[in-house]
């Protein structure tokens, strides 16, 4: 186990971040009697990859907060992972650990540090740190050496005291690798609605001849495992559960559209699972268009199209043009990962995990922060969720 993981905006101020990381490792090593090489870890300075392995083997998350912190997906993912470890630990033991240490790297005029990171601040007297941040102290270390060392000591104190090992959150993998599925959903898990835009076997458009992928209802659609009804539904539920979501699966009908478009619905997370053939039916096109108009921050789409479905492959151009006309907003969204024409269950699952992680990160970036409550008499602190979804 490492004593701490340093979360920060990468490629920016790298020389100063490396200097602080080196100094903090040295001070923590002196306190613990361990080697400086093993007490602290951080992500690769010039990479946006998130190592869940390093996060899972760290006891404390040290956050170097700056105005750009929440604009970086890897920063949000790192904080989200620790938040979920804290949630699971609290659900198991009934108390919380002081396992997130916020450090002001640069002041953010738009957002106070204790508002965006509702964890106990560093107990330091330095006016220079509270006014200008740690980066300023580093750049002018000759003038502010005593202030800088005070911040170092205060950060190391928090790290060394927090010796309790947090549980790992199995399945939360911001890097997109495959982790075990089926972890229980802790209290307060985020809700997501999966809307299946397909049809029943007896309601297929006349152009669709391959009926083996369909069943009695739209939820029986099984694009990767013909004949195994609800295989896709089971796959998305398991994947969502592994990422601590509470999943609801709904067919695309007027009742569902009303449900996700009503008052307060813009905050509801929706993942549309699209069968391109369904868009051949006029009533489905109208419903798809209504979902396409939802907030892009709370709505996304995935389209399974199995490479074993030769009929779909033969009609690739026709189906793509149909989706372009039916879902112009979703089809026009830029994404760093594939969401359309997913050829097998493995690529679908990988894209689904990335979609859900993006939704988690959007929640962290665009929330109205929640301040931490007063410390109870017994000295234990609670760590509320960072906020709620905004429209």
Protein backbone atom coordinates (compact mmCIF):
# COMPACT_ATOMS: atom_id res chain seq x y z
CA UNK A 1 0.00 0.00 0.00
CA UNK A 2 1.06 3.57 -0.72
CA UNK A 3 0.28 6.23 1.85
CA UNK A 4 -1.08 8.68 -0.73
CA UNK A 5 -1.99 9.27 -4.36
CA UNK A 6 -1.38 12.77 -5.74
CA UNK A 7 -4.21 13.95 -8.02
CA UNK A 8 -3.39 17.02 -10.11
CA UNK A 9 -3.69 18.61 -13.55
CA UNK A 10 -0.98 16.97 -15.63
CA UNK A 11 1.43 18.55 -18.16
CA UNK A 12 0.96 21.93 -16.43
CA UNK A 13 3.51 23.21 -13.89
CA UNK A 14 5.12 19.77 -14.01
CA UNK A 15 8.43 20.98 -12.54
CA UNK A 16 6.68 22.42 -9.49
CA UNK A 17 4.34 19.44 -9.05
CA UNK A 18 7.31 17.07 -9.19
CA UNK A 19 9.13 19.17 -6.59
CA UNK A 20 6.18 19.12 -4.19
CA UNK A 21 5.63 15.37 -4.74
CA UNK A 22 9.31 14.68 -4.01
CA UNK A 23 9.24 16.81 -0.85
CA UNK A 24 5.99 15.29 0.38
CA UNK A 25 7.30 11.76 -0.14
CA UNK A 26 10.41 12.69 1.82
CA UNK A 27 8.46 14.10 4.79
CA UNK A 28 5.98 11.18 4.89
CA UNK A 29 8.89 8.72 4.70
CA UNK A 30 10.58 10.40 7.66
CA UNK A 31 7.37 10.09 9.68
CA UNK A 32 6.74 6.45 8.79
CA UNK A 33 10.24 5.00 8.52
CA UNK A 34 9.56 3.80 4.98
CA UNK A 35 11.43 4.55 1.77
CA UNK A 36 10.40 7.75 -0.07
CA UNK A 37 10.04 5.62 -3.21
CA UNK A 38 7.03 3.71 -1.87
CA UNK A 39 5.02 6.15 0.25
CA UNK A 40 3.46 8.12 -2.61
CA UNK A 41 2.27 7.59 -6.19
CA UNK A 42 0.75 9.65 -8.98
CA UNK A 43 -0.33 9.23 -12.59
CA UNK A 44 2.06 9.48 -15.50
CA UNK A 45 2.82 13.22 -15.88
CA UNK A 46 2.22 13.33 -19.65
CA UNK A 47 -0.64 10.83 -19.89
CA UNK A 48 -4.36 11.12 -19.20
CA UNK A 49 -4.66 7.44 -18.25
CA UNK A 50 -6.11 6.65 -14.83
CA UNK A 51 -4.55 3.76 -12.93
CA UNK A 52 -7.23 2.20 -10.77
CA UNK A 53 -4.57 -0.18 -9.46
CA UNK A 54 -2.52 2.71 -8.02
CA UNK A 55 -5.66 4.40 -6.67
CA UNK A 56 -6.86 1.18 -5.06
CA UNK A 57 -3.53 0.64 -3.31
CA UNK A 58 -3.42 4.16 -1.84
CA UNK A 59 -4.75 5.16 1.56
CA UNK A 60 -5.21 8.90 0.98
CA UNK A 61 -5.98 11.08 -2.03
CA UNK A 62 -4.14 14.42 -2.03
CA UNK A 63 -5.90 16.80 -4.42
CA UNK A 64 -3.98 19.76 -5.86
CA UNK A 65 -6.96 21.93 -6.71
CA UNK A 66 -6.75 24.64 -9.35
CA UNK A 67 -9.28 26.35 -11.65
CA UNK A 68 -8.65 23.64 -14.28
CA UNK A 69 -8.94 20.61 -11.99
CA UNK A 70 -12.56 19.68 -12.73
CA UNK A 71 -12.12 20.26 -16.46
CA UNK A 72 -9.82 17.20 -16.63
CA UNK A 73 -11.63 13.87 -16.93
CA UNK A 74 -8.82 11.96 -15.23
CA UNK A 75 -8.93 14.29 -12.20
CA UNK A 76 -12.67 13.81 -11.88
CA UNK A 77 -12.28 10.05 -12.25
CA UNK A 78 -9.60 9.90 -9.54
CA UNK A 79 -11.73 11.89 -7.12
CA UNK A 80 -14.83 9.89 -8.02
CA UNK A 81 -13.02 6.61 -7.33
CA UNK A 82 -11.96 7.74 -3.85
CA UNK A 83 -15.44 9.12 -3.19
CA UNK A 84 -16.91 5.71 -3.93
CA UNK A 85 -14.37 3.96 -1.75
CA UNK A 86 -15.38 6.30 1.08
CA UNK A 87 -19.06 5.62 0.43
CA UNK A 88 -18.51 1.87 0.57
CA UNK A 89 -16.40 2.14 3.70
CA UNK A 90 -19.09 4.22 5.39
CA UNK A 91 -21.80 1.75 4.38
CA UNK A 92 -19.78 -1.14 5.86
CA UNK A 93 -18.53 0.46 9.08
CA UNK A 94 -20.91 3.34 9.78
CA UNK A 95 -18.15 5.93 9.91
CA UNK A 96 -15.97 7.87 7.49
CA UNK A 97 -12.23 8.27 7.13
CA UNK A 98 -10.25 11.46 6.61
CA UNK A 99 -8.94 10.13 3.32
CA UNK A 100 -9.15 13.13 0.95
CA UNK A 101 -6.78 16.04 1.58
CA UNK A 102 -7.57 19.18 -0.44
CA UNK A 103 -4.58 21.42 -1.15
CA UNK A 104 -5.02 24.77 -2.89
CA UNK A 105 -2.56 24.71 -5.77
CA UNK A 106 -3.88 27.92 -7.28
CA UNK A 107 -6.84 29.97 -6.03
CA UNK A 108 -10.02 29.67 -8.07
CA UNK A 109 -11.86 33.02 -7.97
CA UNK A 110 -15.11 31.39 -9.13
CA UNK A 111 -15.19 28.50 -6.65
CA UNK A 112 -14.00 28.42 -3.05
CA UNK A 113 -11.93 25.37 -2.19
CA UNK A 114 -14.16 24.27 0.69
CA UNK A 115 -17.19 24.47 -1.62
CA UNK A 116 -15.97 22.31 -4.50
CA UNK A 117 -14.08 19.89 -2.22
CA UNK A 118 -16.16 19.47 0.94
CA UNK A 119 -13.39 17.91 3.02
CA UNK A 120 -11.53 19.39 6.02
CA UNK A 121 -9.05 22.04 4.81
CA UNK A 122 -5.39 22.08 5.82
CA UNK A 123 -4.85 23.56 9.24
CA UNK A 124 -2.19 26.13 8.43
CA UNK A 125 -1.60 29.69 9.62
CA UNK A 126 0.10 30.87 6.43
CA UNK A 127 -1.72 33.85 4.97
CA UNK A 128 0.34 33.54 1.78
CA UNK A 129 -0.94 30.00 1.19
CA UNK A 130 -4.58 30.89 1.86
CA UNK A 131 -4.32 33.93 -0.39
CA UNK A 132 -2.13 32.71 -3.30
CA UNK A 133 -1.91 28.92 -3.06
CA UNK A 134 0.89 26.37 -2.91
CA UNK A 135 2.26 27.02 -6.39
CA UNK A 136 3.02 30.61 -5.41
CA UNK A 137 4.95 29.40 -2.35
CA UNK A 138 6.97 27.01 -4.50
CA UNK A 139 7.85 29.62 -7.07
CA UNK A 140 9.00 32.00 -4.36
CA UNK A 141 10.37 29.40 -1.98
CA UNK A 142 13.29 31.60 -0.95
CA UNK A 143 10.81 34.09 0.47
CA UNK A 144 8.12 31.67 1.67
CA UNK A 145 10.19 28.67 2.82
CA UNK A 146 8.62 28.56 6.29
CA UNK A 147 5.10 28.83 4.80
CA UNK A 148 5.88 26.07 2.32
CA UNK A 149 7.24 23.77 5.01
CA UNK A 150 4.15 24.43 7.12
CA UNK A 151 1.94 23.24 4.26
CA UNK A 152 4.18 20.19 3.78
CA UNK A 153 3.92 19.28 7.46
CA UNK A 154 0.16 19.79 7.56
CA UNK A 155 -0.35 17.60 4.48
CA UNK A 156 1.96 14.90 5.82
CA UNK A 157 0.15 14.99 9.18
CA UNK A 158 -3.15 14.22 7.48
CA UNK A 159 -1.61 11.45 5.39
CA UNK A 160 0.13 9.71 8.27
CA UNK A 161 -2.86 9.87 10.60
CA UNK A 162 -5.18 8.32 7.97
CA UNK A 163 -3.87 4.78 8.31
CA UNK A 164 -7.21 3.05 7.68
CA UNK A 165 -7.29 1.08 4.44
CA UNK A 166 -10.34 1.84 2.31
CA UNK A 167 -12.09 -0.94 0.38
CA UNK A 168 -11.55 -1.17 -3.34
CA UNK A 169 -14.53 -0.52 -5.60
CA UNK A 170 -14.52 -3.47 -7.95
CA UNK A 171 -15.56 -2.68 -11.46
CA UNK A 172 -14.87 1.07 -11.38
CA UNK A 173 -12.29 1.27 -14.12
CA UNK A 174 -11.69 4.71 -15.58
CA UNK A 175 -9.00 3.30 -17.84
CA UNK A 176 -11.49 1.01 -19.56
CA UNK A 177 -9.95 -2.36 -18.66
CA UNK A 178 -12.09 -5.28 -17.60
CA UNK A 179 -12.76 -5.66 -13.90
CA UNK A 180 -14.99 -8.09 -12.03
CA UNK A 181 -18.70 -7.41 -12.40
CA UNK A 182 -21.52 -7.63 -9.92
CA UNK A 183 -20.32 -5.48 -7.03
CA UNK A 184 -23.20 -4.46 -4.73
CA UNK A 185 -24.63 -0.98 -5.09
CA UNK A 186 -23.91 1.16 -2.01
CA UNK A 187 -26.46 3.52 -0.53
CA UNK A 188 -26.81 6.61 -2.65
CA UNK A 189 -25.76 4.93 -5.93
CA UNK A 190 -26.51 7.07 -8.96
CA UNK A 191 -29.55 6.13 -11.03
CA UNK A 192 -29.49 5.57 -14.77
CA UNK A 193 -32.30 4.60 -17.13
CA UNK A 194 -31.53 2.36 -20.10
CA UNK A 195 -34.08 2.86 -22.87
CA UNK A 196 -34.25 -0.03 -25.34
CA UNK A 197 -35.18 1.29 -28.78
CA UNK A 198 -36.14 -1.96 -30.46
CA UNK A 199 -39.31 -3.93 -31.25
CA UNK A 200 -40.95 -7.24 -30.50
CA UNK A 201 -40.58 -10.03 -33.03
CA UNK A 202 -44.18 -9.67 -34.24
CA UNK A 203 -43.73 -5.93 -34.73
CA UNK A 204 -40.60 -5.95 -36.90
CA UNK A 205 -40.56 -3.78 -40.02
CA UNK A 206 -41.13 -5.83 -43.14
CA UNK A 207 -37.58 -5.05 -44.33
CA UNK A 208 -36.12 -6.94 -41.36
CA UNK A 209 -35.96 -10.68 -42.12
CA UNK A 210 -33.59 -11.88 -39.36
CA UNK A 211 -36.05 -12.36 -36.51
CA UNK A 212 -33.83 -14.56 -34.31
CA UNK A 213 -32.54 -11.49 -32.44
CA UNK A 214 -36.01 -10.60 -31.14
CA UNK A 215 -38.61 -11.95 -28.73
CA UNK A 216 -42.05 -11.28 -27.34
CA UNK A 217 -41.19 -7.76 -26.15
CA UNK A 218 -38.68 -5.05 -27.10
CA UNK A 219 -36.66 -5.91 -23.97
CA UNK A 220 -36.00 -9.37 -25.39
CA UNK A 221 -33.82 -7.87 -28.12
CA UNK A 222 -30.51 -9.79 -28.08
CA UNK A 223 -28.23 -8.46 -30.83
CA UNK A 224 -25.15 -10.46 -29.79
CA UNK A 225 -26.77 -13.71 -28.63
CA UNK A 226 -29.70 -14.68 -30.88
CA UNK A 227 -32.25 -16.77 -29.04
CA UNK A 228 -31.05 -15.71 -25.56
CA UNK A 229 -33.79 -13.28 -24.64
CA UNK A 230 -32.88 -10.34 -22.37
CA UNK A 231 -29.16 -11.07 -22.73
CA UNK A 232 -28.53 -7.40 -23.54
CA UNK A 233 -30.64 -6.26 -20.58
CA UNK A 234 -28.66 -8.50 -18.23
CA UNK A 235 -25.37 -7.22 -19.65
CA UNK A 236 -26.19 -3.55 -19.13
CA UNK A 237 -27.56 -4.15 -15.63
CA UNK A 238 -24.43 -6.04 -14.57
CA UNK A 239 -22.16 -3.37 -16.02
CA UNK A 240 -24.07 -0.55 -14.34
CA UNK A 241 -24.12 -2.38 -11.01
CA UNK A 242 -20.37 -2.85 -11.17
CA UNK A 243 -19.99 0.92 -11.47
CA UNK A 244 -22.32 1.56 -8.50
CA UNK A 245 -25.30 2.70 -10.59
CA UNK A 246 -28.90 1.79 -9.89
CA UNK A 247 -30.17 0.67 -13.30
CA UNK A 248 -33.70 0.74 -14.69
CA UNK A 249 -34.41 -0.75 -18.13
CA UNK A 250 -37.38 0.61 -20.09
CA UNK A 251 -38.78 0.02 -23.59
CA UNK A 252 -38.93 2.99 -25.93
CA UNK A 253 -42.61 3.91 -25.89
CA UNK A 254 -44.65 7.03 -25.22
CA UNK A 255 -44.85 6.33 -21.48
CA UNK A 256 -41.05 6.16 -21.26
CA UNK A 257 -40.59 9.34 -23.29
CA UNK A 258 -43.05 11.17 -21.01
CA UNK A 259 -41.20 9.83 -17.98
CA UNK A 260 -37.77 11.06 -19.11
CA UNK A 261 -39.10 14.35 -20.49
CA UNK A 262 -41.28 15.51 -17.61
CA UNK A 263 -40.62 17.98 -14.81
CA UNK A 264 -37.18 17.41 -13.28
CA UNK A 265 -36.34 14.89 -16.02
CA UNK A 266 -33.42 16.86 -17.56
CA UNK A 267 -31.32 15.68 -14.61
CA UNK A 268 -32.23 12.01 -15.18
CA UNK A 269 -29.42 10.02 -16.76
CA UNK A 270 -30.52 8.14 -19.88
CA UNK A 271 -28.59 5.68 -22.05
CA UNK A 272 -30.42 4.91 -25.30
CA UNK A 273 -29.77 1.41 -26.69
CA UNK A 274 -30.55 1.70 -30.40
CA UNK A 275 -31.61 -1.00 -32.82
CA UNK A 276 -31.16 0.79 -36.15
CA UNK A 277 -33.90 -1.35 -37.75
CA UNK A 278 -36.49 0.04 -35.31
CA UNK A 279 -36.07 3.48 -36.89
CA UNK A 280 -37.79 2.11 -40.00
CA UNK A 281 -41.06 2.33 -38.09
CA UNK A 282 -42.54 5.83 -38.04
CA UNK A 283 -43.76 5.68 -34.44
CA UNK A 284 -40.28 4.71 -33.26
CA UNK A 285 -38.68 7.53 -35.26
CA UNK A 286 -40.88 10.08 -33.50
CA UNK A 287 -39.98 8.66 -30.09
CA UNK A 288 -36.27 8.58 -30.94
CA UNK A 289 -36.43 12.21 -32.03
CA UNK A 290 -37.90 13.15 -28.65
CA UNK A 291 -35.01 11.44 -26.83
CA UNK A 292 -32.53 13.11 -29.19
CA UNK A 293 -33.74 16.51 -27.93
CA UNK A 294 -32.75 15.78 -24.32
CA UNK A 295 -29.76 17.43 -22.64
CA UNK A 296 -26.53 15.94 -24.08
CA UNK A 297 -24.93 16.05 -20.61
CA UNK A 298 -27.53 13.59 -19.31
CA UNK A 299 -28.23 11.53 -22.43
CA UNK A 300 -26.14 9.29 -24.63
CA UNK A 301 -26.67 6.43 -27.05
CA UNK A 302 -25.07 3.09 -27.92
CA UNK A 303 -25.87 1.07 -31.02
CA UNK A 304 -25.12 -2.67 -31.09
CA UNK A 305 -24.70 -4.02 -34.61
CA UNK A 306 -23.22 -7.48 -34.49
CA UNK A 307 -20.66 -8.51 -37.07
CA UNK A 308 -22.48 -11.86 -37.17
CA UNK A 309 -25.70 -10.15 -38.31
CA UNK A 310 -25.03 -10.34 -42.05
CA UNK A 311 -28.30 -8.64 -42.94
CA UNK A 312 -27.34 -5.54 -40.93
CA UNK A 313 -23.87 -5.51 -42.47
CA UNK A 314 -25.35 -5.67 -45.96
CA UNK A 315 -27.55 -2.68 -45.16
CA UNK A 316 -24.86 -0.60 -43.42
CA UNK A 317 -25.23 2.48 -45.63
CA UNK A 318 -29.02 2.47 -45.40
CA UNK A 319 -29.05 2.03 -41.62
CA UNK A 320 -26.40 4.72 -41.07
CA UNK A 321 -28.31 7.23 -43.17
CA UNK A 322 -31.49 6.37 -41.29
CA UNK A 323 -29.82 7.00 -37.92
CA UNK A 324 -28.31 10.27 -39.19
CA UNK A 325 -31.79 11.54 -40.04
CA UNK A 326 -33.48 10.20 -36.90
CA UNK A 327 -30.86 11.13 -34.27
CA UNK A 328 -29.02 14.15 -35.74
CA UNK A 329 -27.86 15.55 -32.38
CA UNK A 330 -26.55 12.32 -30.92
CA UNK A 331 -24.98 11.25 -34.20
CA UNK A 332 -23.27 14.62 -34.47
CA UNK A 333 -21.71 14.53 -31.01
CA UNK A 334 -17.96 14.07 -30.96
CA UNK A 335 -16.79 11.26 -28.71
CA UNK A 336 -13.41 9.86 -27.83
CA UNK A 337 -14.78 6.31 -28.02
CA UNK A 338 -16.99 4.27 -30.35
CA UNK A 339 -20.72 4.31 -29.71
CA UNK A 340 -22.20 3.28 -33.06
CA UNK A 341 -22.11 -0.01 -34.91
CA UNK A 342 -20.56 -1.89 -31.99
CA UNK A 343 -19.68 -5.30 -33.48
CA UNK A 344 -19.57 -7.59 -30.43
CA UNK A 345 -20.45 -7.83 -26.74
CA UNK A 346 -16.89 -7.01 -25.66
CA UNK A 347 -16.73 -3.72 -27.57
CA UNK A 348 -20.26 -2.88 -26.40
CA UNK A 349 -19.35 -3.47 -22.76
CA UNK A 350 -16.16 -1.40 -23.05
CA UNK A 351 -18.07 1.51 -24.61
CA UNK A 352 -20.87 1.22 -22.06
CA UNK A 353 -18.41 1.44 -19.18
CA UNK A 354 -16.83 4.55 -20.71
CA UNK A 355 -20.28 6.10 -21.21
CA UNK A 356 -21.21 5.54 -17.57
CA UNK A 357 -17.87 6.82 -16.29
CA UNK A 358 -18.32 9.96 -18.42
CA UNK A 359 -21.74 10.49 -16.84
CA UNK A 360 -20.18 10.10 -13.39
CA UNK A 361 -17.51 12.64 -14.28
CA UNK A 362 -20.05 15.10 -15.67
CA UNK A 363 -21.82 14.87 -12.32
CA UNK A 364 -18.62 15.82 -10.51
CA UNK A 365 -17.84 18.67 -12.92
CA UNK A 366 -21.22 20.34 -13.12
CA UNK A 367 -22.65 19.90 -9.65
CA UNK A 368 -23.73 22.46 -7.13
CA UNK A 369 -21.31 21.58 -4.29
CA UNK A 370 -22.46 20.42 -0.91
CA UNK A 371 -20.62 21.65 2.17
CA UNK A 372 -19.59 19.13 4.75
CA UNK A 373 -21.65 19.08 7.96
CA UNK A 374 -20.32 20.04 11.34
CA UNK A 375 -18.09 17.52 13.06
CA UNK A 376 -20.05 15.43 15.57
CA UNK A 377 -19.06 15.30 19.22
CA UNK A 378 -17.37 11.94 18.84
CA UNK A 379 -14.97 13.45 16.31
CA UNK A 380 -16.03 11.46 13.23
CA UNK A 381 -16.57 13.35 10.00
CA UNK A 382 -18.99 12.48 7.21
CA UNK A 383 -18.21 13.06 3.58
CA UNK A 384 -21.32 13.85 1.54
CA UNK A 385 -21.56 13.17 -2.16
CA UNK A 386 -20.10 16.04 -4.18
CA UNK A 387 -23.49 17.14 -5.40
CA UNK A 388 -26.31 16.48 -7.80
CA UNK A 389 -26.71 16.48 -11.53
CA UNK A 390 -27.44 19.81 -13.12
CA UNK A 391 -29.25 20.36 -16.34
